[in-house]
Amino acid sequence: MRNLSQCDGWRFLRLVPQQHLFSEHIDFALFRHFSGQSVAVAGPPQFIELPEGTATEPTFRLHATEAQELMDMLWNIGLRPTQGKQSAGQVEAIERHLADMRAIAFNKLEIKQP
């Protein structure tokens, strides 16, 4: 969550996922935080039928920090991208491992390393 210790006035949304042990569903709660006010929670959304082609506003917006927090929370409850790219840390670890394996193989086979 954002560090708000140095902010006099702040306002943000927090979308919190929760997965139950014996369910394939993930529950979401949308909280609104305003400085100096109690936390508010959104109720279930209502759908309004619109004529085709009608321009609409988004249901809600998340700041990039809030979206990152949501992604981290989803990761923490076990959800992973179906076709996600590996993180930079994973790629670096794999590259170091491959370099180590090359050094071992070249040494064992008594081959000069390029």
C-alpha atoms as a PDB file:
ATOM      1  CA  MET A   1       0.000   0.000   0.000  1.00  0.00           C
ATOM      2  CA  ARG A   2       1.153   3.548  -0.596  1.00  0.00           C
ATOM      3  CA  ASN A   3       3.185   5.314   2.080  1.00  0.00           C
ATOM      4  CA  LEU A   4       0.992   8.223   3.113  1.00  0.00           C
ATOM      5  CA  SER A   5       3.012   9.371   6.118  1.00  0.00           C
ATOM      6  CA  GLN A   6       4.196  12.565   4.425  1.00  0.00           C
ATOM      7  CA  CYS A   7       0.919  13.461   2.715  1.00  0.00           C
ATOM      8  CA  ASP A   8      -1.417  16.041   4.247  1.00  0.00           C
ATOM      9  CA  GLY A   9      -4.323  15.182   1.978  1.00  0.00           C
ATOM     10  CA  TRP A  10      -4.718  11.930   0.050  1.00  0.00           C
ATOM     11  CA  ARG A  11      -7.335   9.975  -1.817  1.00  0.00           C
ATOM     12  CA  PHE A  12      -7.064   6.530  -3.361  1.00  0.00           C
ATOM     13  CA  LEU A  13      -8.867   3.297  -4.175  1.00  0.00           C
ATOM     14  CA  ARG A  14      -7.808  -0.152  -3.067  1.00  0.00           C
ATOM     15  CA  LEU A  15      -9.152  -3.271  -4.764  1.00  0.00           C
ATOM     16  CA  VAL A  16      -8.565  -6.243  -2.472  1.00  0.00           C
ATOM     17  CA  PRO A  17      -8.853  -9.843  -3.740  1.00  0.00           C
ATOM     18  CA  GLN A  18      -9.535 -12.768  -1.435  1.00  0.00           C
ATOM     19  CA  GLN A  19      -9.519 -16.425  -2.386  1.00  0.00           C
ATOM     20  CA  HIS A  20     -11.344 -18.945  -0.217  1.00  0.00           C
ATOM     21  CA  LEU A  21      -9.833 -22.373   0.414  1.00  0.00           C
ATOM     22  CA  PHE A  22     -12.527 -24.532  -1.175  1.00  0.00           C
ATOM     23  CA  SER A  23     -13.711 -22.263  -3.970  1.00  0.00           C
ATOM     24  CA  GLU A  24     -12.638 -21.471  -7.509  1.00  0.00           C
ATOM     25  CA  HIS A  25     -13.898 -17.902  -7.089  1.00  0.00           C
ATOM     26  CA  ILE A  26     -11.991 -14.827  -6.010  1.00  0.00           C
ATOM     27  CA  ASP A  27     -13.897 -12.169  -4.088  1.00  0.00           C
ATOM     28  CA  PHE A  28     -13.045  -8.500  -4.576  1.00  0.00           C
ATOM     29  CA  ALA A  29     -13.749  -5.576  -2.268  1.00  0.00           C
ATOM     30  CA  LEU A  30     -13.263  -2.001  -3.481  1.00  0.00           C
ATOM     31  CA  PHE A  31     -12.325   0.453  -0.729  1.00  0.00           C
ATOM     32  CA  ARG A  32     -12.161   4.245  -0.966  1.00  0.00           C
ATOM     33  CA  HIS A  33      -9.717   6.059   1.288  1.00  0.00           C
ATOM     34  CA  PHE A  34      -9.910   9.845   1.824  1.00  0.00           C
ATOM     35  CA  SER A  35      -7.655  11.598   4.301  1.00  0.00           C
ATOM     36  CA  GLY A  36      -9.498  12.464   7.481  1.00  0.00           C
ATOM     37  CA  GLN A  37     -12.528  10.290   6.659  1.00  0.00           C
ATOM     38  CA  SER A  38     -13.497   6.745   7.490  1.00  0.00           C
ATOM     39  CA  VAL A  39     -12.911   4.060   4.871  1.00  0.00           C
ATOM     40  CA  ALA A  40     -15.842   3.351   2.530  1.00  0.00           C
ATOM     41  CA  VAL A  41     -16.537   0.136   0.627  1.00  0.00           C
ATOM     42  CA  ALA A  42     -18.368  -0.123  -2.709  1.00  0.00           C
ATOM     43  CA  GLY A  43     -21.395  -2.366  -2.991  1.00  0.00           C
ATOM     44  CA  PRO A  44     -22.043  -4.733  -5.886  1.00  0.00           C
ATOM     45  CA  PRO A  45     -21.957  -2.971  -9.266  1.00  0.00           C
ATOM     46  CA  GLN A  46     -25.150  -2.234 -11.155  1.00  0.00           C
ATOM     47  CA  PHE A  47     -25.304  -2.675 -14.902  1.00  0.00           C
ATOM     48  CA  ILE A  48     -27.050  -0.145 -17.079  1.00  0.00           C
ATOM     49  CA  GLU A  49     -27.990  -1.029 -20.649  1.00  0.00           C
ATOM     50  CA  LEU A  50     -26.752   1.485 -23.203  1.00  0.00           C
ATOM     51  CA  PRO A  51     -27.510   2.019 -26.856  1.00  0.00           C
ATOM     52  CA  GLU A  52     -24.816   0.592 -29.113  1.00  0.00           C
ATOM     53  CA  GLY A  53     -21.909   2.981 -29.674  1.00  0.00           C
ATOM     54  CA  THR A  54     -22.520   5.052 -26.549  1.00  0.00           C
ATOM     55  CA  ALA A  55     -19.337   6.489 -25.040  1.00  0.00           C
ATOM     56  CA  THR A  56     -18.883   5.625 -21.370  1.00  0.00           C
ATOM     57  CA  GLU A  57     -16.610   6.430 -18.479  1.00  0.00           C
ATOM     58  CA  PRO A  58     -14.671   3.577 -16.852  1.00  0.00           C
ATOM     59  CA  THR A  59     -16.330   1.906 -13.870  1.00  0.00           C
ATOM     60  CA  PHE A  60     -13.330   2.996 -11.791  1.00  0.00           C
ATOM     61  CA  ARG A  61      -9.692   4.000 -12.248  1.00  0.00           C
ATOM     62  CA  LEU A  62      -6.665   2.755 -10.375  1.00  0.00           C
ATOM     63  CA  HIS A  63      -3.469   4.756 -10.053  1.00  0.00           C
ATOM     64  CA  ALA A  64      -0.463   2.789 -11.340  1.00  0.00           C
ATOM     65  CA  THR A  65       0.653   2.239  -7.728  1.00  0.00           C
ATOM     66  CA  GLU A  66      -2.789   0.858  -6.835  1.00  0.00           C
ATOM     67  CA  ALA A  67      -2.790  -1.417  -9.883  1.00  0.00           C
ATOM     68  CA  GLN A  68       0.675  -2.707  -8.960  1.00  0.00           C
ATOM     69  CA  GLU A  69      -0.550  -3.398  -5.431  1.00  0.00           C
ATOM     70  CA  LEU A  70      -3.513  -5.335  -6.871  1.00  0.00           C
ATOM     71  CA  MET A  71      -1.180  -7.352  -9.094  1.00  0.00           C
ATOM     72  CA  ASP A  72       1.051  -8.136  -6.116  1.00  0.00           C
ATOM     73  CA  MET A  73      -1.957  -9.209  -4.025  1.00  0.00           C
ATOM     74  CA  LEU A  74      -3.192 -11.489  -6.831  1.00  0.00           C
ATOM     75  CA  TRP A  75       0.300 -12.989  -7.058  1.00  0.00           C
ATOM     76  CA  ASN A  76       0.307 -13.525  -3.277  1.00  0.00           C
ATOM     77  CA  ILE A  77      -2.912 -15.559  -3.435  1.00  0.00           C
ATOM     78  CA  GLY A  78      -1.417 -17.772  -6.138  1.00  0.00           C
ATOM     79  CA  LEU A  79      -2.581 -16.288  -9.458  1.00  0.00           C
ATOM     80  CA  ARG A  80      -0.020 -16.160 -12.255  1.00  0.00           C
ATOM     81  CA  PRO A  81      -0.201 -14.794 -15.811  1.00  0.00           C
ATOM     82  CA  THR A  82      -1.127 -17.531 -18.276  1.00  0.00           C
ATOM     83  CA  GLN A  83       1.397 -16.293 -20.841  1.00  0.00           C
ATOM     84  CA  GLY A  84       3.412 -13.877 -18.720  1.00  0.00           C
ATOM     85  CA  LYS A  85       7.036 -13.072 -19.358  1.00  0.00           C
ATOM     86  CA  GLN A  86       9.627 -14.025 -16.784  1.00  0.00           C
ATOM     87  CA  SER A  87      10.651 -11.325 -14.383  1.00  0.00           C
ATOM     88  CA  ALA A  88      14.025  -9.638 -14.786  1.00  0.00           C
ATOM     89  CA  GLY A  89      15.241 -11.347 -11.607  1.00  0.00           C
ATOM     90  CA  GLN A  90      14.357 -14.782 -12.945  1.00  0.00           C
ATOM     91  CA  VAL A  91      16.092 -14.109 -16.265  1.00  0.00           C
ATOM     92  CA  GLU A  92      19.239 -12.879 -14.501  1.00  0.00           C
ATOM     93  CA  ALA A  93      19.291 -15.963 -12.261  1.00  0.00           C
ATOM     94  CA  ILE A  94      18.927 -18.260 -15.287  1.00  0.00           C
ATOM     95  CA  GLU A  95      21.700 -16.414 -17.131  1.00  0.00           C
ATOM     96  CA  ARG A  96      24.052 -16.755 -14.119  1.00  0.00           C
ATOM     97  CA  HIS A  97      23.183 -20.439 -13.820  1.00  0.00           C
ATOM     98  CA  LEU A  98      23.904 -21.020 -17.529  1.00  0.00           C
ATOM     99  CA  ALA A  99      27.244 -19.214 -17.223  1.00  0.00           C
ATOM    100  CA  ASP A 100      28.140 -21.455 -14.274  1.00  0.00           C
ATOM    101  CA  MET A 101      27.133 -24.585 -16.213  1.00  0.00           C
ATOM    102  CA  ARG A 102      29.211 -23.482 -19.221  1.00  0.00           C
ATOM    103  CA  ALA A 103      32.244 -22.930 -16.980  1.00  0.00           C
ATOM    104  CA  ILE A 104      31.810 -26.379 -15.412  1.00  0.00           C
ATOM    105  CA  ALA A 105      31.337 -28.081 -18.802  1.00  0.00           C
ATOM    106  CA  PHE A 106      34.326 -26.324 -20.412  1.00  0.00           C
ATOM    107  CA  ASN A 107      36.488 -27.124 -17.384  1.00  0.00           C
ATOM    108  CA  LYS A 108      35.397 -30.785 -17.256  1.00  0.00           C
ATOM    109  CA  LEU A 109      35.924 -31.226 -21.005  1.00  0.00           C
ATOM    110  CA  GLU A 110      39.213 -29.278 -20.807  1.00  0.00           C
ATOM    111  CA  ILE A 111      38.063 -26.819 -23.460  1.00  0.00           C
ATOM    112  CA  LYS A 112      39.243 -23.210 -23.508  1.00  0.00           C
ATOM    113  CA  GLN A 113      36.363 -20.857 -22.869  1.00  0.00           C
ATOM    114  CA  PRO A 114      35.664 -18.401 -25.684  1.00  0.00           C
END
